[in-house]
């Protein structure tokens, strides 16, 4: 059974709550890092909480743990999450992207924007993501290159 880590920001309280409710109803183990009120917070702090809990040494194709990050647009969470070497965060915006995030990129964190995503869409995309399998093959080397450590700054 998958262990799902979730966090958001003040703009995504309702969407996060709807996601948590559905995942619990489906029998998943959820670790919710907040926030739990609409008081303004800094989304990078909450992205950090999820990304730090995902084990860097979990290189399996089907890790037991993955993260869900939600904020107003989803962009800020995705940008912050992808600063972690071992994280492959995908910003979801369609059914196809939800599947490809796993099939081609072996994402271990998915991000969504509460201003652009309904609870129904979010829950559908999460299900599609969890049902998808990493296709390996030509994508294995490409995904490995994501975690290489070049310095471009």
C-alpha atoms as a PDB file:
ATOM      1  CA  UNK A   1       0.000   0.000   0.000  1.00  0.00           C
ATOM      2  CA  UNK A   2       1.317   3.407  -0.908  1.00  0.00           C
ATOM      3  CA  UNK A   3       2.189   5.968   1.730  1.00  0.00           C
ATOM      4  CA  UNK A   4       1.214   9.407   0.450  1.00  0.00           C
ATOM      5  CA  UNK A   5       2.715  12.642   1.731  1.00  0.00           C
ATOM      6  CA  UNK A   6       0.750  15.826   1.107  1.00  0.00           C
ATOM      7  CA  UNK A   7       1.167  19.532   1.762  1.00  0.00           C
ATOM      8  CA  UNK A   8      -0.180  22.755   0.377  1.00  0.00           C
ATOM      9  CA  UNK A   9      -0.434  26.414   1.097  1.00  0.00           C
ATOM     10  CA  UNK A  10      -3.213  28.749   2.211  1.00  0.00           C
ATOM     11  CA  UNK A  11      -4.612  28.986  -1.343  1.00  0.00           C
ATOM     12  CA  UNK A  12      -5.104  25.226  -1.566  1.00  0.00           C
ATOM     13  CA  UNK A  13      -6.725  24.355   1.779  1.00  0.00           C
ATOM     14  CA  UNK A  14      -9.998  23.190   0.226  1.00  0.00           C
ATOM     15  CA  UNK A  15      -8.387  21.201  -2.585  1.00  0.00           C
ATOM     16  CA  UNK A  16      -5.954  19.516  -0.185  1.00  0.00           C
ATOM     17  CA  UNK A  17      -8.812  18.593   2.152  1.00  0.00           C
ATOM     18  CA  UNK A  18     -10.799  17.060  -0.718  1.00  0.00           C
ATOM     19  CA  UNK A  19      -7.781  15.050  -1.850  1.00  0.00           C
ATOM     20  CA  UNK A  20      -7.058  13.796   1.676  1.00  0.00           C
ATOM     21  CA  UNK A  21     -10.701  12.818   2.188  1.00  0.00           C
ATOM     22  CA  UNK A  22     -10.770  10.803  -1.049  1.00  0.00           C
ATOM     23  CA  UNK A  23      -7.427   9.089  -0.471  1.00  0.00           C
ATOM     24  CA  UNK A  24      -8.388   8.090   3.073  1.00  0.00           C
ATOM     25  CA  UNK A  25     -11.715   6.740   1.789  1.00  0.00           C
ATOM     26  CA  UNK A  26      -9.720   4.686  -0.723  1.00  0.00           C
ATOM     27  CA  UNK A  27      -7.674   3.211   2.139  1.00  0.00           C
ATOM     28  CA  UNK A  28      -4.351   4.960   1.606  1.00  0.00           C
ATOM     29  CA  UNK A  29      -2.028   6.008   4.414  1.00  0.00           C
ATOM     30  CA  UNK A  30      -1.769   9.805   4.354  1.00  0.00           C
ATOM     31  CA  UNK A  31       0.727  12.055   6.096  1.00  0.00           C
ATOM     32  CA  UNK A  32      -0.615  15.620   5.911  1.00  0.00           C
ATOM     33  CA  UNK A  33       1.968  18.338   6.570  1.00  0.00           C
ATOM     34  CA  UNK A  34      -0.536  21.182   6.445  1.00  0.00           C
ATOM     35  CA  UNK A  35      -1.294  23.928   6.524  1.00  0.00           C
ATOM     36  CA  UNK A  36      -4.621  23.526   8.226  1.00  0.00           C
ATOM     37  CA  UNK A  37      -5.878  27.134   8.112  1.00  0.00           C
ATOM     38  CA  UNK A  38      -6.138  29.824   5.456  1.00  0.00           C
ATOM     39  CA  UNK A  39      -3.577  31.982   7.257  1.00  0.00           C
ATOM     40  CA  UNK A  40      -0.930  33.041   4.740  1.00  0.00           C
ATOM     41  CA  UNK A  41       2.115  30.740   4.634  1.00  0.00           C
ATOM     42  CA  UNK A  42       5.203  30.351   2.468  1.00  0.00           C
ATOM     43  CA  UNK A  43       4.706  27.386   0.144  1.00  0.00           C
ATOM     44  CA  UNK A  44       8.437  26.471  -0.070  1.00  0.00           C
ATOM     45  CA  UNK A  45       8.382  25.596   3.639  1.00  0.00           C
ATOM     46  CA  UNK A  46       5.614  23.056   3.045  1.00  0.00           C
ATOM     47  CA  UNK A  47       7.184  21.634  -0.118  1.00  0.00           C
ATOM     48  CA  UNK A  48      10.344  21.053   1.916  1.00  0.00           C
ATOM     49  CA  UNK A  49       8.451  18.990   4.504  1.00  0.00           C
ATOM     50  CA  UNK A  50       7.218  16.548   1.877  1.00  0.00           C
ATOM     51  CA  UNK A  51      10.441  16.348  -0.142  1.00  0.00           C
ATOM     52  CA  UNK A  52      12.599  15.769   2.926  1.00  0.00           C
ATOM     53  CA  UNK A  53      10.467  12.720   3.846  1.00  0.00           C
ATOM     54  CA  UNK A  54      10.932  11.018   0.482  1.00  0.00           C
ATOM     55  CA  UNK A  55      13.998   8.806   0.776  1.00  0.00           C
ATOM     56  CA  UNK A  56      16.784   9.795  -1.628  1.00  0.00           C
ATOM     57  CA  UNK A  57      17.902   6.171  -1.913  1.00  0.00           C
ATOM     58  CA  UNK A  58      14.514   4.892  -3.088  1.00  0.00           C
ATOM     59  CA  UNK A  59      15.315   4.308  -6.743  1.00  0.00           C
ATOM     60  CA  UNK A  60      12.724   1.617  -7.312  1.00  0.00           C
ATOM     61  CA  UNK A  61      10.251   2.097 -10.121  1.00  0.00           C
ATOM     62  CA  UNK A  62       7.327   1.835  -7.727  1.00  0.00           C
ATOM     63  CA  UNK A  63       8.330   3.576  -4.511  1.00  0.00           C
ATOM     64  CA  UNK A  64       6.143   3.031  -1.480  1.00  0.00           C
ATOM     65  CA  UNK A  65       6.049   6.769  -0.836  1.00  0.00           C
ATOM     66  CA  UNK A  66       5.211   9.667  -3.104  1.00  0.00           C
ATOM     67  CA  UNK A  67       4.255  13.283  -2.566  1.00  0.00           C
ATOM     68  CA  UNK A  68       1.394  15.550  -3.540  1.00  0.00           C
ATOM     69  CA  UNK A  69       1.897  19.309  -3.384  1.00  0.00           C
ATOM     70  CA  UNK A  70      -0.859  21.854  -4.001  1.00  0.00           C
ATOM     71  CA  UNK A  71      -0.781  25.635  -4.070  1.00  0.00           C
ATOM     72  CA  UNK A  72      -2.559  28.339  -6.048  1.00  0.00           C
ATOM     73  CA  UNK A  73      -0.926  27.537  -9.393  1.00  0.00           C
ATOM     74  CA  UNK A  74       1.105  24.429  -8.584  1.00  0.00           C
ATOM     75  CA  UNK A  75       4.136  26.096 -10.171  1.00  0.00           C
ATOM     76  CA  UNK A  76       5.804  27.305  -6.991  1.00  0.00           C
ATOM     77  CA  UNK A  77       5.525  23.897  -5.356  1.00  0.00           C
ATOM     78  CA  UNK A  78       6.940  22.180  -8.459  1.00  0.00           C
ATOM     79  CA  UNK A  79       9.826  24.636  -8.685  1.00  0.00           C
ATOM     80  CA  UNK A  80      10.751  24.178  -5.035  1.00  0.00           C
ATOM     81  CA  UNK A  81      10.377  20.395  -5.088  1.00  0.00           C
ATOM     82  CA  UNK A  82      12.643  20.083  -8.113  1.00  0.00           C
ATOM     83  CA  UNK A  83      15.469  21.763  -6.193  1.00  0.00           C
ATOM     84  CA  UNK A  84      15.861  18.439  -4.348  1.00  0.00           C
ATOM     85  CA  UNK A  85      18.223  16.168  -6.276  1.00  0.00           C
ATOM     86  CA  UNK A  86      16.150  13.051  -5.622  1.00  0.00           C
ATOM     87  CA  UNK A  87      12.786  14.593  -6.482  1.00  0.00           C
ATOM     88  CA  UNK A  88      11.116  14.454  -9.867  1.00  0.00           C
ATOM     89  CA  UNK A  89       8.079  16.709  -9.476  1.00  0.00           C
ATOM     90  CA  UNK A  90       5.495  17.047 -12.230  1.00  0.00           C
ATOM     91  CA  UNK A  91       2.888  19.785 -12.534  1.00  0.00           C
ATOM     92  CA  UNK A  92      -0.356  18.084 -13.538  1.00  0.00           C
ATOM     93  CA  UNK A  93      -2.876  19.817 -15.779  1.00  0.00           C
ATOM     94  CA  UNK A  94      -4.539  17.026 -17.773  1.00  0.00           C
ATOM     95  CA  UNK A  95      -5.307  13.313 -17.766  1.00  0.00           C
ATOM     96  CA  UNK A  96      -2.510  12.623 -20.242  1.00  0.00           C
ATOM     97  CA  UNK A  97       0.096  14.527 -18.217  1.00  0.00           C
ATOM     98  CA  UNK A  98      -0.951  12.644 -15.070  1.00  0.00           C
ATOM     99  CA  UNK A  99      -0.126   9.346 -16.810  1.00  0.00           C
ATOM    100  CA  UNK A 100       3.013  10.537 -18.596  1.00  0.00           C
ATOM    101  CA  UNK A 101       4.446  11.965 -15.377  1.00  0.00           C
ATOM    102  CA  UNK A 102       4.852   8.366 -14.212  1.00  0.00           C
ATOM    103  CA  UNK A 103       5.249   6.524 -17.536  1.00  0.00           C
ATOM    104  CA  UNK A 104       7.985   8.728 -19.016  1.00  0.00           C
ATOM    105  CA  UNK A 105       9.425  10.671 -16.070  1.00  0.00           C
ATOM    106  CA  UNK A 106       8.914   8.328 -13.099  1.00  0.00           C
ATOM    107  CA  UNK A 107       7.773  11.321 -11.023  1.00  0.00           C
ATOM    108  CA  UNK A 108       7.765  10.855  -7.259  1.00  0.00           C
ATOM    109  CA  UNK A 109       5.952  14.124  -6.504  1.00  0.00           C
ATOM    110  CA  UNK A 110       2.911  15.516  -8.270  1.00  0.00           C
ATOM    111  CA  UNK A 111       1.822  19.141  -8.056  1.00  0.00           C
ATOM    112  CA  UNK A 112      -1.488  20.822  -8.810  1.00  0.00           C
ATOM    113  CA  UNK A 113      -2.876  24.339  -8.748  1.00  0.00           C
ATOM    114  CA  UNK A 114      -6.036  24.922  -6.733  1.00  0.00           C
ATOM    115  CA  UNK A 115      -7.020  27.899  -8.896  1.00  0.00           C
ATOM    116  CA  UNK A 116      -7.057  25.700 -12.009  1.00  0.00           C
ATOM    117  CA  UNK A 117      -7.983  22.245 -10.697  1.00  0.00           C
ATOM    118  CA  UNK A 118     -11.267  20.963  -9.299  1.00  0.00           C
ATOM    119  CA  UNK A 119     -11.340  18.311  -6.596  1.00  0.00           C
ATOM    120  CA  UNK A 120     -12.787  15.876  -9.141  1.00  0.00           C
ATOM    121  CA  UNK A 121      -9.953  16.534 -11.585  1.00  0.00           C
ATOM    122  CA  UNK A 122      -7.318  16.259  -8.853  1.00  0.00           C
ATOM    123  CA  UNK A 123      -8.622  12.940  -7.592  1.00  0.00           C
ATOM    124  CA  UNK A 124      -8.872  11.574 -11.139  1.00  0.00           C
ATOM    125  CA  UNK A 125      -5.309  12.656 -11.941  1.00  0.00           C
ATOM    126  CA  UNK A 126      -3.981  11.107  -8.730  1.00  0.00           C
ATOM    127  CA  UNK A 127      -5.675   7.825  -9.617  1.00  0.00           C
ATOM    128  CA  UNK A 128      -4.298   7.908 -13.174  1.00  0.00           C
ATOM    129  CA  UNK A 129      -0.818   8.672 -11.834  1.00  0.00           C
ATOM    130  CA  UNK A 130      -0.941   5.819  -9.313  1.00  0.00           C
ATOM    131  CA  UNK A 131      -2.222   3.340 -11.913  1.00  0.00           C
ATOM    132  CA  UNK A 132       0.491   4.246 -14.428  1.00  0.00           C
ATOM    133  CA  UNK A 133       3.780   2.347 -14.516  1.00  0.00           C
ATOM    134  CA  UNK A 134       7.209   3.666 -15.439  1.00  0.00           C
ATOM    135  CA  UNK A 135       7.808   2.442 -18.988  1.00  0.00           C
ATOM    136  CA  UNK A 136      11.591   2.137 -18.508  1.00  0.00           C
ATOM    137  CA  UNK A 137      13.360   1.459 -21.822  1.00  0.00           C
ATOM    138  CA  UNK A 138      14.655   4.674 -23.375  1.00  0.00           C
ATOM    139  CA  UNK A 139      13.242   6.650 -20.454  1.00  0.00           C
ATOM    140  CA  UNK A 140      15.519   5.020 -17.859  1.00  0.00           C
ATOM    141  CA  UNK A 141      18.652   6.877 -18.991  1.00  0.00           C
ATOM    142  CA  UNK A 142      16.721  10.115 -19.444  1.00  0.00           C
ATOM    143  CA  UNK A 143      15.340   9.948 -15.919  1.00  0.00           C
ATOM    144  CA  UNK A 144      18.816   9.144 -14.551  1.00  0.00           C
ATOM    145  CA  UNK A 145      20.154  12.273 -16.239  1.00  0.00           C
ATOM    146  CA  UNK A 146      17.640  14.379 -14.323  1.00  0.00           C
ATOM    147  CA  UNK A 147      19.436  13.539 -11.071  1.00  0.00           C
ATOM    148  CA  UNK A 148      22.937  14.238 -12.385  1.00  0.00           C
ATOM    149  CA  UNK A 149      24.612  17.088 -10.575  1.00  0.00           C
ATOM    150  CA  UNK A 150      25.928  19.603 -13.110  1.00  0.00           C
ATOM    151  CA  UNK A 151      26.307  23.180 -11.971  1.00  0.00           C
ATOM    152  CA  UNK A 152      24.849  25.735 -14.318  1.00  0.00           C
ATOM    153  CA  UNK A 153      24.672  28.617 -11.872  1.00  0.00           C
END
